[in-house]
Amino acid sequence: MAHPQHDYYHQRKNRPSTSKILAISTLVPFGASLLILAFLTLTVTVIGLAVAAPLLVFFSPVLVPAALVIGFAVAGFLTSGACGITSLSSFAWMANYLRRSRLPEQLQCAKDRAQETLGDLAHRTKEAAESGISKAQEMAHEVGKAQVGNQTSS
């Protein structure tokens, strides 16, 4: 049977730490807001290009507005990409952080369980072997008595 201190240690060890909870509660909203910002920026940029393209064709002799529209389009695509890359890299960092920090704990917990199970199995096997030997000796003793009783009655 497991010791109460051993169970408490494993229960406490399997709980997420404060730093993990803080990392998750900080990075998930940050990453989600950056993804939303990237999507909105990309959407506004594409809509702006769709609206500005006919105007560029209609007012083609005017190069300054065309340069401004192209500049805003490029800025929109770059901003969208930067927000998306920042968001994805923060999610990748968080996943890597959580993967690194949990794996050794889980391996140690599995190792402890395996050792405990093997110890219990060895103890039960020893008890079963001793019980079987004592029963075999009792049966041999009873068979010996029965044979002696049969020989005296004959």
N, C-alpha and C. Protein backbone atom coordinates (compact mmCIF):
# COMPACT_ATOMS: atom_id res chain seq x y z
N MET A 1 0.84 -1.17 0.00
CA MET A 1 0.00 0.00 0.00
C MET A 1 0.88 1.24 0.00
N ALA A 2 0.44 2.27 -0.66
CA ALA A 2 1.24 3.49 -0.79
C ALA A 2 1.20 4.28 0.51
N HIS A 3 2.27 4.99 0.76
CA HIS A 3 2.35 5.82 1.95
C HIS A 3 1.61 7.13 1.70
N PRO A 4 0.97 7.70 2.75
CA PRO A 4 0.25 8.97 2.56
C PRO A 4 1.17 10.09 2.09
N GLN A 5 2.42 10.12 2.59
CA GLN A 5 3.33 11.17 2.16
C GLN A 5 3.67 11.01 0.68
N HIS A 6 3.81 9.75 0.24
CA HIS A 6 4.14 9.47 -1.17
C HIS A 6 3.01 9.95 -2.07
N ASP A 7 1.74 9.69 -1.69
CA ASP A 7 0.59 10.15 -2.49
C ASP A 7 0.52 11.67 -2.52
N TYR A 8 0.76 12.30 -1.38
CA TYR A 8 0.72 13.76 -1.33
C TYR A 8 1.79 14.36 -2.23
N TYR A 9 2.97 13.76 -2.20
CA TYR A 9 4.08 14.25 -3.03
C TYR A 9 3.72 14.18 -4.50
N HIS A 10 3.13 13.04 -4.94
CA HIS A 10 2.78 12.90 -6.36
C HIS A 10 1.63 13.82 -6.74
N GLN A 11 0.65 13.99 -5.84
CA GLN A 11 -0.44 14.90 -6.15
C GLN A 11 0.06 16.32 -6.27
N ARG A 12 0.96 16.72 -5.39
CA ARG A 12 1.50 18.06 -5.44
C ARG A 12 2.39 18.25 -6.65
N LYS A 13 3.13 17.21 -7.00
CA LYS A 13 4.05 17.29 -8.14
C LYS A 13 3.30 17.36 -9.47
N ASN A 14 2.12 16.74 -9.56
CA ASN A 14 1.37 16.70 -10.81
C ASN A 14 0.56 17.97 -11.04
N ARG A 15 0.42 18.83 -10.05
CA ARG A 15 -0.29 20.09 -10.23
C ARG A 15 0.55 21.04 -11.06
N PRO A 16 -0.10 21.84 -11.91
CA PRO A 16 0.68 22.83 -12.67
C PRO A 16 1.22 23.90 -11.73
N SER A 17 2.43 24.33 -12.01
CA SER A 17 3.05 25.34 -11.16
C SER A 17 2.48 26.72 -11.47
N THR A 18 2.76 27.64 -10.59
CA THR A 18 2.27 29.00 -10.76
C THR A 18 2.86 29.64 -12.01
N SER A 19 4.12 29.35 -12.29
CA SER A 19 4.74 29.95 -13.48
C SER A 19 4.09 29.43 -14.76
N LYS A 20 3.68 28.16 -14.78
CA LYS A 20 3.01 27.61 -15.96
C LYS A 20 1.64 28.27 -16.14
N ILE A 21 0.92 28.41 -15.04
CA ILE A 21 -0.41 29.03 -15.12
C ILE A 21 -0.27 30.48 -15.58
N LEU A 22 0.73 31.19 -15.05
CA LEU A 22 0.96 32.57 -15.45
C LEU A 22 1.35 32.67 -16.92
N ALA A 23 2.19 31.73 -17.39
CA ALA A 23 2.59 31.75 -18.80
C ALA A 23 1.40 31.51 -19.71
N ILE A 24 0.56 30.56 -19.35
CA ILE A 24 -0.61 30.26 -20.18
C ILE A 24 -1.59 31.43 -20.16
N SER A 25 -1.86 31.97 -18.96
CA SER A 25 -2.84 33.06 -18.87
C SER A 25 -2.34 34.33 -19.54
N THR A 26 -1.05 34.47 -19.71
CA THR A 26 -0.51 35.64 -20.40
C THR A 26 -0.43 35.43 -21.90
N LEU A 27 0.09 34.27 -22.31
CA LEU A 27 0.37 34.06 -23.73
C LEU A 27 -0.86 33.72 -24.57
N VAL A 28 -1.85 33.04 -23.99
CA VAL A 28 -3.03 32.68 -24.78
C VAL A 28 -3.80 33.94 -25.22
N PRO A 29 -4.14 34.85 -24.32
CA PRO A 29 -4.82 36.07 -24.81
C PRO A 29 -3.94 36.90 -25.74
N PHE A 30 -2.65 36.98 -25.44
CA PHE A 30 -1.74 37.75 -26.28
C PHE A 30 -1.67 37.14 -27.68
N GLY A 31 -1.50 35.84 -27.77
CA GLY A 31 -1.43 35.18 -29.07
C GLY A 31 -2.74 35.26 -29.83
N ALA A 32 -3.86 35.08 -29.11
CA ALA A 32 -5.16 35.15 -29.77
C ALA A 32 -5.43 36.57 -30.28
N SER A 33 -5.09 37.58 -29.50
CA SER A 33 -5.33 38.95 -29.96
C SER A 33 -4.45 39.29 -31.15
N LEU A 34 -3.21 38.77 -31.17
CA LEU A 34 -2.36 39.02 -32.34
C LEU A 34 -2.89 38.30 -33.58
N LEU A 35 -3.42 37.11 -33.41
CA LEU A 35 -4.02 36.41 -34.56
C LEU A 35 -5.24 37.18 -35.09
N ILE A 36 -6.06 37.67 -34.18
CA ILE A 36 -7.22 38.45 -34.60
C ILE A 36 -6.77 39.73 -35.30
N LEU A 37 -5.77 40.40 -34.74
CA LEU A 37 -5.25 41.62 -35.35
C LEU A 37 -4.67 41.33 -36.74
N ALA A 38 -3.96 40.22 -36.89
CA ALA A 38 -3.41 39.85 -38.20
C ALA A 38 -4.53 39.60 -39.20
N PHE A 39 -5.58 38.90 -38.76
CA PHE A 39 -6.70 38.63 -39.65
C PHE A 39 -7.41 39.92 -40.06
N LEU A 40 -7.65 40.81 -39.09
CA LEU A 40 -8.32 42.06 -39.40
C LEU A 40 -7.49 42.94 -40.34
N THR A 41 -6.18 42.98 -40.09
CA THR A 41 -5.32 43.79 -40.95
C THR A 41 -5.29 43.25 -42.37
N LEU A 42 -5.20 41.94 -42.49
CA LEU A 42 -5.22 41.33 -43.82
C LEU A 42 -6.54 41.59 -44.53
N THR A 43 -7.64 41.46 -43.80
CA THR A 43 -8.95 41.69 -44.39
C THR A 43 -9.10 43.14 -44.86
N VAL A 44 -8.71 44.09 -44.02
CA VAL A 44 -8.81 45.51 -44.41
C VAL A 44 -7.91 45.81 -45.59
N THR A 45 -6.73 45.20 -45.63
CA THR A 45 -5.82 45.44 -46.75
C THR A 45 -6.39 44.90 -48.06
N VAL A 46 -6.96 43.71 -48.02
CA VAL A 46 -7.55 43.13 -49.24
C VAL A 46 -8.75 43.94 -49.69
N ILE A 47 -9.61 44.37 -48.75
CA ILE A 47 -10.76 45.19 -49.11
C ILE A 47 -10.30 46.53 -49.67
N GLY A 48 -9.28 47.11 -49.05
CA GLY A 48 -8.74 48.38 -49.54
C GLY A 48 -8.19 48.26 -50.95
N LEU A 49 -7.50 47.17 -51.24
CA LEU A 49 -7.00 46.96 -52.61
C LEU A 49 -8.14 46.75 -53.59
N ALA A 50 -9.18 46.03 -53.17
CA ALA A 50 -10.33 45.82 -54.06
C ALA A 50 -11.03 47.13 -54.39
N VAL A 51 -11.09 48.02 -53.40
CA VAL A 51 -11.73 49.32 -53.64
C VAL A 51 -10.80 50.24 -54.42
N ALA A 52 -9.51 50.18 -54.13
CA ALA A 52 -8.56 51.12 -54.74
C ALA A 52 -8.18 50.73 -56.16
N ALA A 53 -8.27 49.47 -56.53
CA ALA A 53 -7.85 49.05 -57.88
C ALA A 53 -8.63 49.76 -58.98
N PRO A 54 -9.95 49.82 -58.92
CA PRO A 54 -10.66 50.57 -59.97
C PRO A 54 -10.32 52.06 -59.97
N LEU A 55 -10.07 52.60 -58.78
CA LEU A 55 -9.71 54.02 -58.72
C LEU A 55 -8.35 54.25 -59.36
N LEU A 56 -7.44 53.31 -59.19
CA LEU A 56 -6.12 53.45 -59.82
C LEU A 56 -6.25 53.43 -61.34
N VAL A 57 -7.11 52.55 -61.84
CA VAL A 57 -7.29 52.49 -63.29
C VAL A 57 -7.95 53.78 -63.80
N PHE A 58 -8.93 54.26 -63.07
CA PHE A 58 -9.65 55.46 -63.49
C PHE A 58 -8.78 56.71 -63.41
N PHE A 59 -8.00 56.81 -62.32
CA PHE A 59 -7.14 58.00 -62.14
C PHE A 59 -5.67 57.65 -62.38
N SER A 60 -5.37 56.89 -63.38
CA SER A 60 -4.00 56.47 -63.63
C SER A 60 -3.02 57.62 -63.87
N PRO A 61 -3.44 58.75 -64.42
CA PRO A 61 -2.46 59.83 -64.62
C PRO A 61 -1.97 60.42 -63.29
N VAL A 62 -2.70 60.18 -62.23
CA VAL A 62 -2.32 60.76 -60.94
C VAL A 62 -1.47 59.72 -60.21
N LEU A 63 -0.17 59.94 -60.17
CA LEU A 63 0.74 58.94 -59.60
C LEU A 63 0.86 59.02 -58.09
N VAL A 64 0.64 60.16 -57.51
CA VAL A 64 0.79 60.30 -56.05
C VAL A 64 -0.25 59.45 -55.31
N PRO A 65 -1.52 59.51 -55.68
CA PRO A 65 -2.47 58.62 -54.99
C PRO A 65 -2.16 57.15 -55.21
N ALA A 66 -1.68 56.83 -56.40
CA ALA A 66 -1.32 55.43 -56.67
C ALA A 66 -0.18 54.99 -55.77
N ALA A 67 0.81 55.83 -55.61
CA ALA A 67 1.94 55.49 -54.74
C ALA A 67 1.49 55.35 -53.29
N LEU A 68 0.56 56.23 -52.87
CA LEU A 68 0.04 56.12 -51.51
C LEU A 68 -0.72 54.82 -51.29
N VAL A 69 -1.55 54.45 -52.23
CA VAL A 69 -2.33 53.21 -52.11
C VAL A 69 -1.40 52.00 -52.08
N ILE A 70 -0.43 52.00 -52.96
CA ILE A 70 0.52 50.87 -52.98
C ILE A 70 1.31 50.83 -51.67
N GLY A 71 1.71 51.97 -51.18
CA GLY A 71 2.43 52.03 -49.90
C GLY A 71 1.59 51.51 -48.75
N PHE A 72 0.31 51.93 -48.71
CA PHE A 72 -0.57 51.43 -47.65
C PHE A 72 -0.83 49.93 -47.78
N ALA A 73 -0.94 49.46 -49.00
CA ALA A 73 -1.15 48.02 -49.21
C ALA A 73 0.05 47.21 -48.72
N VAL A 74 1.24 47.67 -49.07
CA VAL A 74 2.45 46.98 -48.62
C VAL A 74 2.56 47.03 -47.10
N ALA A 75 2.27 48.19 -46.52
CA ALA A 75 2.31 48.31 -45.06
C ALA A 75 1.29 47.38 -44.40
N GLY A 76 0.13 47.28 -45.00
CA GLY A 76 -0.90 46.38 -44.45
C GLY A 76 -0.47 44.92 -44.49
N PHE A 77 0.08 44.49 -45.62
CA PHE A 77 0.54 43.10 -45.72
C PHE A 77 1.68 42.82 -44.74
N LEU A 78 2.61 43.76 -44.63
CA LEU A 78 3.72 43.56 -43.70
C LEU A 78 3.25 43.52 -42.24
N THR A 79 2.31 44.40 -41.89
CA THR A 79 1.78 44.40 -40.53
C THR A 79 1.03 43.11 -40.24
N SER A 80 0.23 42.67 -41.18
CA SER A 80 -0.50 41.42 -41.01
C SER A 80 0.47 40.25 -40.82
N GLY A 81 1.47 40.17 -41.65
CA GLY A 81 2.45 39.09 -41.53
C GLY A 81 3.21 39.15 -40.22
N ALA A 82 3.58 40.36 -39.79
CA ALA A 82 4.32 40.50 -38.53
C ALA A 82 3.47 40.06 -37.34
N CYS A 83 2.21 40.45 -37.32
CA CYS A 83 1.33 40.03 -36.22
C CYS A 83 1.11 38.52 -36.24
N GLY A 84 0.92 37.96 -37.42
CA GLY A 84 0.73 36.51 -37.52
C GLY A 84 1.96 35.74 -37.08
N ILE A 85 3.13 36.17 -37.52
CA ILE A 85 4.37 35.48 -37.14
C ILE A 85 4.62 35.60 -35.64
N THR A 86 4.37 36.78 -35.07
CA THR A 86 4.54 36.97 -33.63
C THR A 86 3.60 36.07 -32.85
N SER A 87 2.37 35.99 -33.29
CA SER A 87 1.39 35.14 -32.62
C SER A 87 1.79 33.68 -32.68
N LEU A 88 2.14 33.21 -33.87
CA LEU A 88 2.52 31.80 -34.02
C LEU A 88 3.79 31.47 -33.24
N SER A 89 4.74 32.39 -33.21
CA SER A 89 5.96 32.11 -32.45
C SER A 89 5.69 32.09 -30.96
N SER A 90 4.77 32.92 -30.47
CA SER A 90 4.45 32.86 -29.04
C SER A 90 3.74 31.55 -28.70
N PHE A 91 2.85 31.07 -29.57
CA PHE A 91 2.21 29.77 -29.34
C PHE A 91 3.23 28.64 -29.40
N ALA A 92 4.17 28.71 -30.32
CA ALA A 92 5.19 27.67 -30.41
C ALA A 92 6.08 27.68 -29.18
N TRP A 93 6.44 28.86 -28.69
CA TRP A 93 7.26 28.94 -27.48
C TRP A 93 6.51 28.35 -26.29
N MET A 94 5.21 28.69 -26.17
CA MET A 94 4.42 28.18 -25.06
C MET A 94 4.30 26.65 -25.12
N ALA A 95 4.07 26.11 -26.30
CA ALA A 95 3.97 24.66 -26.44
C ALA A 95 5.29 23.99 -26.09
N ASN A 96 6.39 24.56 -26.54
CA ASN A 96 7.71 24.01 -26.23
C ASN A 96 7.99 24.09 -24.72
N TYR A 97 7.63 25.20 -24.11
CA TYR A 97 7.84 25.38 -22.67
C TYR A 97 7.05 24.35 -21.87
N LEU A 98 5.79 24.17 -22.23
CA LEU A 98 4.96 23.21 -21.51
C LEU A 98 5.42 21.77 -21.77
N ARG A 99 5.84 21.48 -22.99
CA ARG A 99 6.31 20.13 -23.31
C ARG A 99 7.59 19.80 -22.53
N ARG A 100 8.51 20.75 -22.45
CA ARG A 100 9.77 20.52 -21.73
C ARG A 100 9.55 20.37 -20.24
N SER A 101 8.65 21.16 -19.69
CA SER A 101 8.50 21.18 -18.24
C SER A 101 7.68 20.00 -17.72
N ARG A 102 6.81 19.42 -18.50
CA ARG A 102 5.98 18.32 -18.01
C ARG A 102 6.59 16.95 -18.24
N LEU A 103 7.38 16.78 -19.26
CA LEU A 103 7.87 15.46 -19.62
C LEU A 103 8.68 14.81 -18.51
N PRO A 104 9.65 15.47 -17.89
CA PRO A 104 10.40 14.80 -16.83
C PRO A 104 9.52 14.40 -15.64
N GLU A 105 8.53 15.23 -15.31
CA GLU A 105 7.63 14.89 -14.21
C GLU A 105 6.82 13.64 -14.54
N GLN A 106 6.32 13.56 -15.76
CA GLN A 106 5.52 12.41 -16.14
C GLN A 106 6.38 11.15 -16.19
N LEU A 107 7.61 11.27 -16.67
CA LEU A 107 8.49 10.10 -16.70
C LEU A 107 8.82 9.63 -15.30
N GLN A 108 9.08 10.54 -14.38
CA GLN A 108 9.39 10.16 -13.00
C GLN A 108 8.17 9.52 -12.35
N CYS A 109 7.00 10.06 -12.60
CA CYS A 109 5.77 9.49 -12.04
C CYS A 109 5.54 8.08 -12.58
N ALA A 110 5.74 7.88 -13.88
CA ALA A 110 5.58 6.55 -14.47
C ALA A 110 6.62 5.59 -13.91
N LYS A 111 7.84 6.05 -13.73
CA LYS A 111 8.90 5.21 -13.17
C LYS A 111 8.55 4.80 -11.75
N ASP A 112 8.08 5.75 -10.93
CA ASP A 112 7.68 5.44 -9.56
C ASP A 112 6.54 4.43 -9.52
N ARG A 113 5.55 4.61 -10.40
CA ARG A 113 4.42 3.66 -10.45
C ARG A 113 4.89 2.27 -10.85
N ALA A 114 5.79 2.20 -11.83
CA ALA A 114 6.29 0.90 -12.28
C ALA A 114 7.06 0.21 -11.16
N GLN A 115 7.90 0.96 -10.43
CA GLN A 115 8.64 0.36 -9.32
C GLN A 115 7.70 -0.11 -8.23
N GLU A 116 6.68 0.70 -7.94
CA GLU A 116 5.71 0.31 -6.91
C GLU A 116 4.94 -0.94 -7.32
N THR A 117 4.53 -0.99 -8.58
CA THR A 117 3.79 -2.16 -9.08
C THR A 117 4.66 -3.41 -9.05
N LEU A 118 5.90 -3.27 -9.49
CA LEU A 118 6.81 -4.42 -9.47
C LEU A 118 7.08 -4.88 -8.04
N GLY A 119 7.21 -3.96 -7.10
CA GLY A 119 7.40 -4.33 -5.70
C GLY A 119 6.20 -5.09 -5.15
N ASP A 120 4.99 -4.59 -5.46
CA ASP A 120 3.78 -5.29 -5.03
C ASP A 120 3.67 -6.67 -5.67
N LEU A 121 4.00 -6.74 -6.96
CA LEU A 121 3.94 -8.02 -7.66
C LEU A 121 4.93 -9.02 -7.08
N ALA A 122 6.12 -8.56 -6.76
CA ALA A 122 7.12 -9.46 -6.17
C ALA A 122 6.66 -9.93 -4.80
N HIS A 123 6.08 -9.05 -4.01
CA HIS A 123 5.60 -9.42 -2.68
C HIS A 123 4.46 -10.43 -2.77
N ARG A 124 3.51 -10.21 -3.68
CA ARG A 124 2.40 -11.15 -3.86
C ARG A 124 2.88 -12.50 -4.37
N THR A 125 3.85 -12.47 -5.29
CA THR A 125 4.40 -13.72 -5.81
C THR A 125 5.07 -14.51 -4.70
N LYS A 126 5.82 -13.84 -3.86
CA LYS A 126 6.49 -14.51 -2.73
C LYS A 126 5.46 -15.11 -1.78
N GLU A 127 4.40 -14.34 -1.47
CA GLU A 127 3.35 -14.86 -0.58
C GLU A 127 2.65 -16.06 -1.20
N ALA A 128 2.36 -16.00 -2.51
CA ALA A 128 1.69 -17.11 -3.18
C ALA A 128 2.58 -18.35 -3.20
N ALA A 129 3.88 -18.16 -3.42
CA ALA A 129 4.80 -19.30 -3.43
C ALA A 129 4.89 -19.93 -2.04
N GLU A 130 4.98 -19.12 -1.00
CA GLU A 130 5.04 -19.65 0.36
C GLU A 130 3.75 -20.37 0.71
N SER A 131 2.63 -19.80 0.31
CA SER A 131 1.33 -20.43 0.57
C SER A 131 1.23 -21.77 -0.17
N GLY A 132 1.68 -21.78 -1.43
CA GLY A 132 1.63 -23.03 -2.20
C GLY A 132 2.54 -24.10 -1.61
N ILE A 133 3.70 -23.71 -1.15
CA ILE A 133 4.63 -24.68 -0.54
C ILE A 133 4.02 -25.24 0.74
N SER A 134 3.45 -24.36 1.58
CA SER A 134 2.88 -24.85 2.83
C SER A 134 1.68 -25.76 2.56
N LYS A 135 0.85 -25.46 1.57
CA LYS A 135 -0.28 -26.32 1.23
C LYS A 135 0.21 -27.66 0.68
N ALA A 136 1.26 -27.61 -0.14
CA ALA A 136 1.81 -28.87 -0.68
C ALA A 136 2.36 -29.73 0.45
N GLN A 137 3.02 -29.12 1.46
CA GLN A 137 3.54 -29.88 2.59
C GLN A 137 2.41 -30.47 3.41
N GLU A 138 1.34 -29.70 3.61
CA GLU A 138 0.18 -30.21 4.36
C GLU A 138 -0.45 -31.39 3.62
N MET A 139 -0.59 -31.25 2.31
CA MET A 139 -1.20 -32.34 1.52
C MET A 139 -0.30 -33.58 1.56
N ALA A 140 1.01 -33.39 1.48
CA ALA A 140 1.92 -34.53 1.54
C ALA A 140 1.83 -35.19 2.91
N HIS A 141 1.69 -34.41 3.96
CA HIS A 141 1.57 -34.95 5.32
C HIS A 141 0.27 -35.75 5.45
N GLU A 142 -0.84 -35.23 4.89
CA GLU A 142 -2.13 -35.92 4.95
C GLU A 142 -2.09 -37.19 4.12
N VAL A 143 -1.45 -37.16 2.95
CA VAL A 143 -1.34 -38.35 2.10
C VAL A 143 -0.51 -39.40 2.83
N GLY A 144 0.56 -38.93 3.51
CA GLY A 144 1.39 -39.87 4.28
C GLY A 144 0.59 -40.51 5.39
N LYS A 145 -0.25 -39.78 6.08
CA LYS A 145 -1.09 -40.32 7.15
C LYS A 145 -2.08 -41.33 6.59
N ALA A 146 -2.68 -40.99 5.43
CA ALA A 146 -3.67 -41.88 4.81
C ALA A 146 -3.01 -43.18 4.38
N GLN A 147 -1.79 -43.12 3.88
CA GLN A 147 -1.10 -44.34 3.45
C GLN A 147 -0.75 -45.21 4.67
N VAL A 148 -0.34 -44.58 5.76
CA VAL A 148 -0.01 -45.33 6.97
C VAL A 148 -1.27 -45.96 7.51
N GLY A 149 -2.39 -45.24 7.47
CA GLY A 149 -3.68 -45.78 7.96
C GLY A 149 -4.14 -46.93 7.10
N ASN A 150 -3.93 -46.90 5.80
CA ASN A 150 -4.34 -47.97 4.90
C ASN A 150 -3.46 -49.21 5.12
N GLN A 151 -2.21 -49.06 5.41
CA GLN A 151 -1.30 -50.18 5.61
C GLN A 151 -1.61 -50.88 6.94
N THR A 152 -1.99 -50.15 7.96
CA THR A 152 -2.30 -50.79 9.26
C THR A 152 -3.63 -51.50 9.21
N SER A 153 -4.57 -51.03 8.43
CA SER A 153 -5.86 -51.70 8.36
C SER A 153 -5.82 -52.92 7.46
N SER A 154 -4.83 -53.09 6.62
CA SER A 154 -4.76 -54.23 5.73
C SER A 154 -4.18 -55.42 6.39
